[in-house]
All heavy atoms as atom14 arrays in JSON, in Angstrom:
{
  "sequence": "LLDVIASFNGTVSLFIAPTWQQQYVMHRFTGGTKGCIHSEV",
  "atom14_mask": [
    [1, 1, 1, 1, 1, 1, 1, 1, 0, 0, 0, 0, 0, 0],
    [1, 1, 1, 1, 1, 1, 1, 1, 0, 0, 0, 0, 0, 0],
    [1, 1, 1, 1, 1, 1, 1, 1, 0, 0, 0, 0, 0, 0],
    [1, 1, 1, 1, 1, 1, 1, 0, 0, 0, 0, 0, 0, 0],
    [1, 1, 1, 1, 1, 1, 1, 1, 0, 0, 0, 0, 0, 0],
    [1, 1, 1, 1, 1, 0, 0, 0, 0, 0, 0, 0, 0, 0],
    [1, 1, 1, 1, 1, 1, 0, 0, 0, 0, 0, 0, 0, 0],
    [1, 1, 1, 1, 1, 1, 1, 1, 1, 1, 1, 0, 0, 0],
    [1, 1, 1, 1, 1, 1, 1, 1, 0, 0, 0, 0, 0, 0],
    [1, 1, 1, 1, 0, 0, 0, 0, 0, 0, 0, 0, 0, 0],
    [1, 1, 1, 1, 1, 1, 1, 0, 0, 0, 0, 0, 0, 0],
    [1, 1, 1, 1, 1, 1, 1, 0, 0, 0, 0, 0, 0, 0],
    [1, 1, 1, 1, 1, 1, 0, 0, 0, 0, 0, 0, 0, 0],
    [1, 1, 1, 1, 1, 1, 1, 1, 0, 0, 0, 0, 0, 0],
    [1, 1, 1, 1, 1, 1, 1, 1, 1, 1, 1, 0, 0, 0],
    [1, 1, 1, 1, 1, 1, 1, 1, 0, 0, 0, 0, 0, 0],
    [1, 1, 1, 1, 1, 0, 0, 0, 0, 0, 0, 0, 0, 0],
    [1, 1, 1, 1, 1, 1, 1, 0, 0, 0, 0, 0, 0, 0],
    [1, 1, 1, 1, 1, 1, 1, 0, 0, 0, 0, 0, 0, 0],
    [1, 1, 1, 1, 1, 1, 1, 1, 1, 1, 1, 1, 1, 1],
    [1, 1, 1, 1, 1, 1, 1, 1, 1, 0, 0, 0, 0, 0],
    [1, 1, 1, 1, 1, 1, 1, 1, 1, 0, 0, 0, 0, 0],
    [1, 1, 1, 1, 1, 1, 1, 1, 1, 0, 0, 0, 0, 0],
    [1, 1, 1, 1, 1, 1, 1, 1, 1, 1, 1, 1, 0, 0],
    [1, 1, 1, 1, 1, 1, 1, 0, 0, 0, 0, 0, 0, 0],
    [1, 1, 1, 1, 1, 1, 1, 1, 0, 0, 0, 0, 0, 0],
    [1, 1, 1, 1, 1, 1, 1, 1, 1, 1, 0, 0, 0, 0],
    [1, 1, 1, 1, 1, 1, 1, 1, 1, 1, 1, 0, 0, 0],
    [1, 1, 1, 1, 1, 1, 1, 1, 1, 1, 1, 0, 0, 0],
    [1, 1, 1, 1, 1, 1, 1, 0, 0, 0, 0, 0, 0, 0],
    [1, 1, 1, 1, 0, 0, 0, 0, 0, 0, 0, 0, 0, 0],
    [1, 1, 1, 1, 0, 0, 0, 0, 0, 0, 0, 0, 0, 0],
    [1, 1, 1, 1, 1, 1, 1, 0, 0, 0, 0, 0, 0, 0],
    [1, 1, 1, 1, 1, 1, 1, 1, 1, 0, 0, 0, 0, 0],
    [1, 1, 1, 1, 0, 0, 0, 0, 0, 0, 0, 0, 0, 0],
    [1, 1, 1, 1, 1, 1, 0, 0, 0, 0, 0, 0, 0, 0],
    [1, 1, 1, 1, 1, 1, 1, 1, 0, 0, 0, 0, 0, 0],
    [1, 1, 1, 1, 1, 1, 1, 1, 1, 1, 0, 0, 0, 0],
    [1, 1, 1, 1, 1, 1, 0, 0, 0, 0, 0, 0, 0, 0],
    [1, 1, 1, 1, 1, 1, 1, 1, 1, 0, 0, 0, 0, 0],
    [1, 1, 1, 1, 1, 1, 1, 0, 0, 0, 0, 0, 0, 0]
  ],
  "atom14_positions": [
    [[-1.56, 26.02, 15.37], [-1.69, 26.17, 13.95], [-2.81, 25.25, 13.46], [-3.08, 24.21, 14.06], [-0.37, 25.79, 13.27], [0.87, 26.57, 13.62], [2.1, 26.0, 12.94], [0.67, 28.04, 13.33], [0.0, 0.0, 0.0], [0.0, 0.0, 0.0], [0.0, 0.0, 0.0], [0.0, 0.0, 0.0], [0.0, 0.0, 0.0], [0.0, 0.0, 0.0]],
    [[-3.47, 25.65, 12.38], [-4.63, 24.92, 11.89], [-4.21, 23.79, 10.92], [-3.7, 24.06, 9.82], [-5.6, 25.86, 11.23], [-6.42, 26.77, 12.17], [-7.44, 27.56, 11.38], [-7.12, 25.98, 13.26], [0.0, 0.0, 0.0], [0.0, 0.0, 0.0], [0.0, 0.0, 0.0], [0.0, 0.0, 0.0], [0.0, 0.0, 0.0], [0.0, 0.0, 0.0]],
    [[-4.47, 22.6, 11.37], [-4.29, 21.42, 10.53], [-5.61, 21.18, 9.71], [-6.62, 21.85, 9.91], [-3.98, 20.2, 11.4], [-2.9, 20.49, 12.43], [-1.79, 20.88, 12.03], [-3.21, 20.37, 13.67], [0.0, 0.0, 0.0], [0.0, 0.0, 0.0], [0.0, 0.0, 0.0], [0.0, 0.0, 0.0], [0.0, 0.0, 0.0], [0.0, 0.0, 0.0]],
    [[-5.54, 20.23, 8.79], [-6.71, 20.03, 7.92], [-7.05, 18.52, 7.95], [-6.14, 17.66, 7.86], [-6.4, 20.44, 6.45], [-7.54, 20.02, 5.51], [-6.26, 21.96, 6.4], [0.0, 0.0, 0.0], [0.0, 0.0, 0.0], [0.0, 0.0, 0.0], [0.0, 0.0, 0.0], [0.0, 0.0, 0.0], [0.0, 0.0, 0.0], [0.0, 0.0, 0.0]],
    [[-8.32, 18.23, 8.07], [-8.8, 16.85, 7.96], [-9.68, 16.75, 6.66], [-10.56, 17.57, 6.5], [-9.65, 16.43, 9.17], [-8.78, 16.38, 10.42], [-10.26, 15.04, 8.96], [-9.55, 16.04, 11.71], [0.0, 0.0, 0.0], [0.0, 0.0, 0.0], [0.0, 0.0, 0.0], [0.0, 0.0, 0.0], [0.0, 0.0, 0.0], [0.0, 0.0, 0.0]],
    [[-9.34, 15.8, 5.86], [-10.05, 15.62, 4.6], [-10.39, 14.13, 4.44], [-9.67, 13.27, 4.9], [-9.23, 16.07, 3.38], [0.0, 0.0, 0.0], [0.0, 0.0, 0.0], [0.0, 0.0, 0.0], [0.0, 0.0, 0.0], [0.0, 0.0, 0.0], [0.0, 0.0, 0.0], [0.0, 0.0, 0.0], [0.0, 0.0, 0.0], [0.0, 0.0, 0.0]],
    [[-11.5, 13.81, 3.75], [-11.91, 12.49, 3.51], [-11.89, 12.19, 2.03], [-12.57, 12.87, 1.25], [-13.32, 12.27, 4.05], [-13.73, 10.92, 3.89], [0.0, 0.0, 0.0], [0.0, 0.0, 0.0], [0.0, 0.0, 0.0], [0.0, 0.0, 0.0], [0.0, 0.0, 0.0], [0.0, 0.0, 0.0], [0.0, 0.0, 0.0], [0.0, 0.0, 0.0]],
    [[-11.06, 11.21, 1.63], [-10.9, 10.9, 0.19], [-10.2, 9.52, 0.08], [-9.59, 9.06, 1.05], [-10.03, 11.97, -0.5], [-8.64, 12.08, 0.09], [-7.53, 11.47, -0.55], [-8.38, 12.8, 1.26], [-6.31, 11.58, -0.03], [-7.14, 12.88, 1.77], [-6.07, 12.26, 1.12], [0.0, 0.0, 0.0], [0.0, 0.0, 0.0], [0.0, 0.0, 0.0]],
    [[-10.3, 8.9, -1.07], [-9.61, 7.64, -1.36], [-9.77, 6.6, -0.29], [-8.86, 5.88, 0.07], [-8.12, 7.9, -1.59], [-7.84, 8.67, -2.91], [-8.75, 8.9, -3.69], [-6.59, 9.09, -3.04], [0.0, 0.0, 0.0], [0.0, 0.0, 0.0], [0.0, 0.0, 0.0], [0.0, 0.0, 0.0], [0.0, 0.0, 0.0], [0.0, 0.0, 0.0]],
    [[-10.99, 6.48, 0.27], [-11.26, 5.48, 1.27], [-10.71, 5.74, 2.63], [-10.65, 4.85, 3.47], [0.0, 0.0, 0.0], [0.0, 0.0, 0.0], [0.0, 0.0, 0.0], [0.0, 0.0, 0.0], [0.0, 0.0, 0.0], [0.0, 0.0, 0.0], [0.0, 0.0, 0.0], [0.0, 0.0, 0.0], [0.0, 0.0, 0.0], [0.0, 0.0, 0.0]],
    [[-10.36, 7.02, 2.92], [-9.78, 7.35, 4.22], [-10.36, 8.66, 4.77], [-11.01, 9.44, 4.08], [-8.26, 7.56, 4.1], [-7.97, 8.83, 3.46], [-7.57, 6.46, 3.37], [0.0, 0.0, 0.0], [0.0, 0.0, 0.0], [0.0, 0.0, 0.0], [0.0, 0.0, 0.0], [0.0, 0.0, 0.0], [0.0, 0.0, 0.0], [0.0, 0.0, 0.0]],
    [[-10.12, 8.89, 6.06], [-10.15, 10.18, 6.66], [-8.71, 10.49, 7.07], [-8.14, 9.71, 7.83], [-11.09, 10.26, 7.92], [-11.1, 11.64, 8.48], [-12.5, 9.8, 7.5], [0.0, 0.0, 0.0], [0.0, 0.0, 0.0], [0.0, 0.0, 0.0], [0.0, 0.0, 0.0], [0.0, 0.0, 0.0], [0.0, 0.0, 0.0], [0.0, 0.0, 0.0]],
    [[-8.15, 11.58, 6.59], [-6.71, 11.82, 6.76], [-6.5, 13.2, 7.35], [-7.17, 14.16, 7.04], [-5.98, 11.7, 5.43], [-5.97, 10.36, 4.99], [0.0, 0.0, 0.0], [0.0, 0.0, 0.0], [0.0, 0.0, 0.0], [0.0, 0.0, 0.0], [0.0, 0.0, 0.0], [0.0, 0.0, 0.0], [0.0, 0.0, 0.0], [0.0, 0.0, 0.0]],
    [[-5.41, 13.31, 8.13], [-5.01, 14.55, 8.8], [-3.75, 15.05, 8.16], [-2.75, 14.33, 8.01], [-4.77, 14.29, 10.26], [-4.17, 15.39, 11.13], [-5.12, 16.58, 11.23], [-3.8, 14.88, 12.53], [0.0, 0.0, 0.0], [0.0, 0.0, 0.0], [0.0, 0.0, 0.0], [0.0, 0.0, 0.0], [0.0, 0.0, 0.0], [0.0, 0.0, 0.0]],
    [[-3.76, 16.36, 7.82], [-2.57, 17.04, 7.27], [-2.12, 18.12, 8.27], [-2.88, 18.99, 8.63], [-2.91, 17.67, 5.91], [-3.31, 16.65, 4.86], [-4.62, 16.23, 4.78], [-2.37, 16.16, 3.98], [-4.99, 15.27, 3.82], [-2.71, 15.23, 3.02], [-4.03, 14.78, 2.91], [0.0, 0.0, 0.0], [0.0, 0.0, 0.0], [0.0, 0.0, 0.0]],
    [[-0.83, 17.99, 8.66], [-0.32, 18.82, 9.78], [0.25, 20.16, 9.25], [1.1, 20.13, 8.32], [0.8, 18.06, 10.56], [0.22, 16.75, 11.13], [1.38, 18.93, 11.64], [-0.84, 17.0, 12.18], [0.0, 0.0, 0.0], [0.0, 0.0, 0.0], [0.0, 0.0, 0.0], [0.0, 0.0, 0.0], [0.0, 0.0, 0.0], [0.0, 0.0, 0.0]],
    [[-0.2, 21.26, 9.82], [0.36, 22.57, 9.57], [1.71, 22.72, 10.15], [2.09, 21.98, 11.09], [-0.61, 23.63, 10.1], [0.0, 0.0, 0.0], [0.0, 0.0, 0.0], [0.0, 0.0, 0.0], [0.0, 0.0, 0.0], [0.0, 0.0, 0.0], [0.0, 0.0, 0.0], [0.0, 0.0, 0.0], [0.0, 0.0, 0.0], [0.0, 0.0, 0.0]],
    [[2.59, 23.61, 9.68], [2.27, 24.67, 8.68], [2.45, 24.34, 7.24], [2.05, 25.13, 6.35], [3.22, 25.8, 9.09], [4.44, 25.05, 9.58], [3.93, 23.81, 10.24], [0.0, 0.0, 0.0], [0.0, 0.0, 0.0], [0.0, 0.0, 0.0], [0.0, 0.0, 0.0], [0.0, 0.0, 0.0], [0.0, 0.0, 0.0], [0.0, 0.0, 0.0]],
    [[3.03, 23.17, 6.94], [3.25, 22.88, 5.48], [2.13, 21.95, 4.93], [2.0, 21.83, 3.73], [4.58, 22.2, 5.26], [4.57, 20.92, 5.92], [5.72, 23.06, 5.78], [0.0, 0.0, 0.0], [0.0, 0.0, 0.0], [0.0, 0.0, 0.0], [0.0, 0.0, 0.0], [0.0, 0.0, 0.0], [0.0, 0.0, 0.0], [0.0, 0.0, 0.0]],
    [[1.45, 21.27, 5.82], [0.41, 20.26, 5.48], [0.99, 19.15, 4.6], [0.26, 18.45, 3.9], [-0.73, 20.98, 4.73], [-1.4, 22.02, 5.6], [-2.32, 21.82, 6.6], [-1.11, 23.4, 5.57], [-2.62, 23.01, 7.16], [-1.95, 24.03, 6.56], [-0.32, 24.23, 4.8], [-1.93, 25.4, 6.81], [-0.33, 25.61, 5.05], [-1.12, 26.17, 6.03]],
    [[2.27, 18.92, 4.72], [2.94, 17.84, 3.97], [2.91, 16.53, 4.76], [3.01, 15.46, 4.16], [4.38, 18.23, 3.61], [4.44, 19.49, 2.72], [3.64, 19.34, 1.45], [3.96, 18.48, 0.61], [2.65, 20.19, 1.28], [0.0, 0.0, 0.0], [0.0, 0.0, 0.0], [0.0, 0.0, 0.0], [0.0, 0.0, 0.0], [0.0, 0.0, 0.0]],
    [[2.92, 16.6, 6.08], [2.84, 15.4, 6.91], [1.38, 14.94, 6.89], [0.46, 15.68, 7.24], [3.24, 15.68, 8.37], [4.72, 15.9, 8.56], [5.0, 16.13, 10.02], [4.74, 17.22, 10.52], [5.51, 15.11, 10.69], [0.0, 0.0, 0.0], [0.0, 0.0, 0.0], [0.0, 0.0, 0.0], [0.0, 0.0, 0.0], [0.0, 0.0, 0.0]],
    [[1.17, 13.68, 6.53], [-0.17, 13.14, 6.43], [-0.29, 11.89, 7.33], [0.58, 11.02, 7.29], [-0.52, 12.74, 4.99], [-1.87, 12.1, 4.8], [-2.15, 11.7, 3.4], [-1.41, 12.09, 2.45], [-3.17, 10.91, 3.16], [0.0, 0.0, 0.0], [0.0, 0.0, 0.0], [0.0, 0.0, 0.0], [0.0, 0.0, 0.0], [0.0, 0.0, 0.0]],
    [[-1.38, 11.83, 8.09], [-1.66, 10.68, 8.93], [-3.06, 10.2, 8.66], [-4.02, 10.96, 8.7], [-1.53, 11.02, 10.42], [-0.13, 11.49, 10.79], [0.11, 12.92, 10.92], [0.91, 10.62, 11.03], [1.38, 13.38, 11.25], [2.19, 11.12, 11.33], [2.41, 12.45, 11.44], [3.68, 12.94, 11.77], [0.0, 0.0, 0.0], [0.0, 0.0, 0.0]],
    [[-3.21, 8.91, 8.37], [-4.53, 8.32, 8.11], [-5.18, 8.05, 9.49], [-4.69, 7.27, 10.27], [-4.41, 7.01, 7.29], [-5.8, 6.34, 7.16], [-3.82, 7.32, 5.94], [0.0, 0.0, 0.0], [0.0, 0.0, 0.0], [0.0, 0.0, 0.0], [0.0, 0.0, 0.0], [0.0, 0.0, 0.0], [0.0, 0.0, 0.0], [0.0, 0.0, 0.0]],
    [[-6.31, 8.7, 9.71], [-7.03, 8.57, 10.97], [-8.0, 7.4, 10.94], [-8.31, 6.77, 11.97], [-7.87, 9.84, 11.22], [-7.01, 11.12, 11.29], [-8.04, 12.56, 10.91], [-9.44, 12.37, 11.99], [0.0, 0.0, 0.0], [0.0, 0.0, 0.0], [0.0, 0.0, 0.0], [0.0, 0.0, 0.0], [0.0, 0.0, 0.0], [0.0, 0.0, 0.0]],
    [[-8.52, 7.1, 9.74], [-9.55, 6.07, 9.6], [-9.57, 5.55, 8.17], [-9.4, 6.33, 7.24], [-10.91, 6.68, 9.95], [-12.07, 5.69, 9.86], [-12.29, 4.67, 10.72], [-13.07, 5.6, 8.94], [-13.33, 4.0, 10.39], [-13.87, 4.52, 9.31], [0.0, 0.0, 0.0], [0.0, 0.0, 0.0], [0.0, 0.0, 0.0], [0.0, 0.0, 0.0]],
    [[-9.72, 4.23, 8.03], [-9.87, 3.62, 6.7], [-11.24, 2.96, 6.6], [-11.64, 2.23, 7.48], [-8.77, 2.59, 6.44], [-7.38, 3.16, 6.36], [-6.36, 2.11, 5.94], [-4.99, 2.63, 5.94], [-4.48, 3.24, 4.91], [-5.17, 3.46, 3.81], [-3.22, 3.72, 4.97], [0.0, 0.0, 0.0], [0.0, 0.0, 0.0], [0.0, 0.0, 0.0]],
    [[-11.89, 3.24, 5.5], [-13.22, 2.62, 5.25], [-13.03, 1.25, 4.65], [-12.04, 0.97, 4.02], [-14.06, 3.5, 4.3], [-14.39, 4.86, 4.89], [-13.73, 6.0, 4.43], [-15.36, 4.99, 5.83], [-14.07, 7.24, 4.93], [-15.67, 6.23, 6.35], [-14.99, 7.39, 5.91], [0.0, 0.0, 0.0], [0.0, 0.0, 0.0], [0.0, 0.0, 0.0]],
    [[-14.08, 0.45, 4.82], [-14.12, -0.86, 4.17], [-15.33, -0.94, 3.27], [-16.2, -0.07, 3.31], [-14.19, -1.98, 5.26], [-15.39, -1.76, 6.07], [-12.99, -2.0, 6.16], [0.0, 0.0, 0.0], [0.0, 0.0, 0.0], [0.0, 0.0, 0.0], [0.0, 0.0, 0.0], [0.0, 0.0, 0.0], [0.0, 0.0, 0.0], [0.0, 0.0, 0.0]],
    [[-15.42, -1.99, 2.49], [-16.6, -2.23, 1.67], [-16.72, -1.28, 0.47], [-17.78, -1.08, -0.04], [0.0, 0.0, 0.0], [0.0, 0.0, 0.0], [0.0, 0.0, 0.0], [0.0, 0.0, 0.0], [0.0, 0.0, 0.0], [0.0, 0.0, 0.0], [0.0, 0.0, 0.0], [0.0, 0.0, 0.0], [0.0, 0.0, 0.0], [0.0, 0.0, 0.0]],
    [[-15.63, -0.66, 0.07], [-15.65, 0.16, -1.1], [-16.05, 1.61, -0.88], [-16.17, 2.4, -1.86], [0.0, 0.0, 0.0], [0.0, 0.0, 0.0], [0.0, 0.0, 0.0], [0.0, 0.0, 0.0], [0.0, 0.0, 0.0], [0.0, 0.0, 0.0], [0.0, 0.0, 0.0], [0.0, 0.0, 0.0], [0.0, 0.0, 0.0], [0.0, 0.0, 0.0]],
    [[-16.3, 2.01, 0.38], [-16.62, 3.42, 0.64], [-15.47, 4.34, 0.32], [-14.32, 4.08, 0.77], [-16.98, 3.63, 2.11], [-18.15, 2.84, 2.44], [-17.32, 5.05, 2.45], [0.0, 0.0, 0.0], [0.0, 0.0, 0.0], [0.0, 0.0, 0.0], [0.0, 0.0, 0.0], [0.0, 0.0, 0.0], [0.0, 0.0, 0.0], [0.0, 0.0, 0.0]],
    [[-15.69, 5.37, -0.47], [-14.62, 6.22, -0.92], [-14.32, 7.37, 0.01], [-13.19, 7.91, 0.05], [-14.91, 6.73, -2.33], [-14.95, 5.65, -3.4], [-15.29, 6.26, -4.75], [-15.32, 5.14, -5.8], [-15.62, 5.68, -7.21], [0.0, 0.0, 0.0], [0.0, 0.0, 0.0], [0.0, 0.0, 0.0], [0.0, 0.0, 0.0], [0.0, 0.0, 0.0]],
    [[-15.34, 7.81, 0.76], [-15.11, 8.91, 1.67], [-16.41, 9.51, 2.15], [-17.51, 9.12, 1.73], [0.0, 0.0, 0.0], [0.0, 0.0, 0.0], [0.0, 0.0, 0.0], [0.0, 0.0, 0.0], [0.0, 0.0, 0.0], [0.0, 0.0, 0.0], [0.0, 0.0, 0.0], [0.0, 0.0, 0.0], [0.0, 0.0, 0.0], [0.0, 0.0, 0.0]],
    [[-16.29, 10.47, 3.07], [-17.47, 11.15, 3.63], [-17.96, 12.25, 2.7], [-17.2, 12.83, 1.93], [-17.14, 11.72, 5.0], [-16.96, 10.46, 6.27], [0.0, 0.0, 0.0], [0.0, 0.0, 0.0], [0.0, 0.0, 0.0], [0.0, 0.0, 0.0], [0.0, 0.0, 0.0], [0.0, 0.0, 0.0], [0.0, 0.0, 0.0], [0.0, 0.0, 0.0]],
    [[-19.25, 12.55, 2.82], [-19.83, 13.6, 2.03], [-19.82, 14.94, 2.76], [-19.89, 15.98, 2.2], [-21.24, 13.22, 1.6], [-21.67, 14.09, 0.37], [-22.24, 13.28, 2.73], [-22.87, 13.5, -0.38], [0.0, 0.0, 0.0], [0.0, 0.0, 0.0], [0.0, 0.0, 0.0], [0.0, 0.0, 0.0], [0.0, 0.0, 0.0], [0.0, 0.0, 0.0]],
    [[-19.77, 14.9, 4.15], [-19.72, 16.11, 4.89], [-19.11, 15.83, 6.27], [-19.05, 14.66, 6.66], [-21.15, 16.69, 5.09], [-21.14, 18.18, 5.29], [-21.98, 18.8, 6.17], [-20.4, 19.18, 4.72], [-21.8, 20.11, 6.13], [-20.85, 20.36, 5.28], [0.0, 0.0, 0.0], [0.0, 0.0, 0.0], [0.0, 0.0, 0.0], [0.0, 0.0, 0.0]],
    [[-18.67, 16.82, 7.0], [-18.0, 16.61, 8.29], [-18.06, 17.85, 9.15], [-18.31, 18.95, 8.72], [-16.51, 16.19, 8.06], [-15.81, 17.21, 7.35], [0.0, 0.0, 0.0], [0.0, 0.0, 0.0], [0.0, 0.0, 0.0], [0.0, 0.0, 0.0], [0.0, 0.0, 0.0], [0.0, 0.0, 0.0], [0.0, 0.0, 0.0], [0.0, 0.0, 0.0]],
    [[-17.74, 17.63, 10.44], [-17.68, 18.71, 11.44], [-16.64, 18.38, 12.45], [-16.18, 17.22, 12.59], [-19.05, 18.84, 12.17], [-20.02, 19.83, 11.57], [-19.62, 21.28, 11.83], [-18.51, 21.53, 12.34], [-20.44, 22.2, 11.54], [0.0, 0.0, 0.0], [0.0, 0.0, 0.0], [0.0, 0.0, 0.0], [0.0, 0.0, 0.0], [0.0, 0.0, 0.0]],
    [[-16.18, 19.38, 13.26], [-15.33, 19.17, 14.38], [-15.97, 19.71, 15.62], [-16.57, 20.8, 15.58], [-13.9, 19.78, 14.16], [-13.15, 19.02, 13.09], [-13.99, 21.25, 13.78], [0.0, 0.0, 0.0], [0.0, 0.0, 0.0], [0.0, 0.0, 0.0], [0.0, 0.0, 0.0], [0.0, 0.0, 0.0], [0.0, 0.0, 0.0], [0.0, 0.0, 0.0]]
  ]
}
C-alpha cells in the first residue's frame, strides 16, 4: 500500500496507509528550518 512522506512544521514525516492516520517523524530540522521545498524517492 502507498504511504505518504511529507515535509512540514520542521519535520519530514511518514503517514502509513491505508488510513494515513499513523504518523512517524523520520527527521527533525534544526535552526528554524520549516521543511523541504521538493523531494524524491
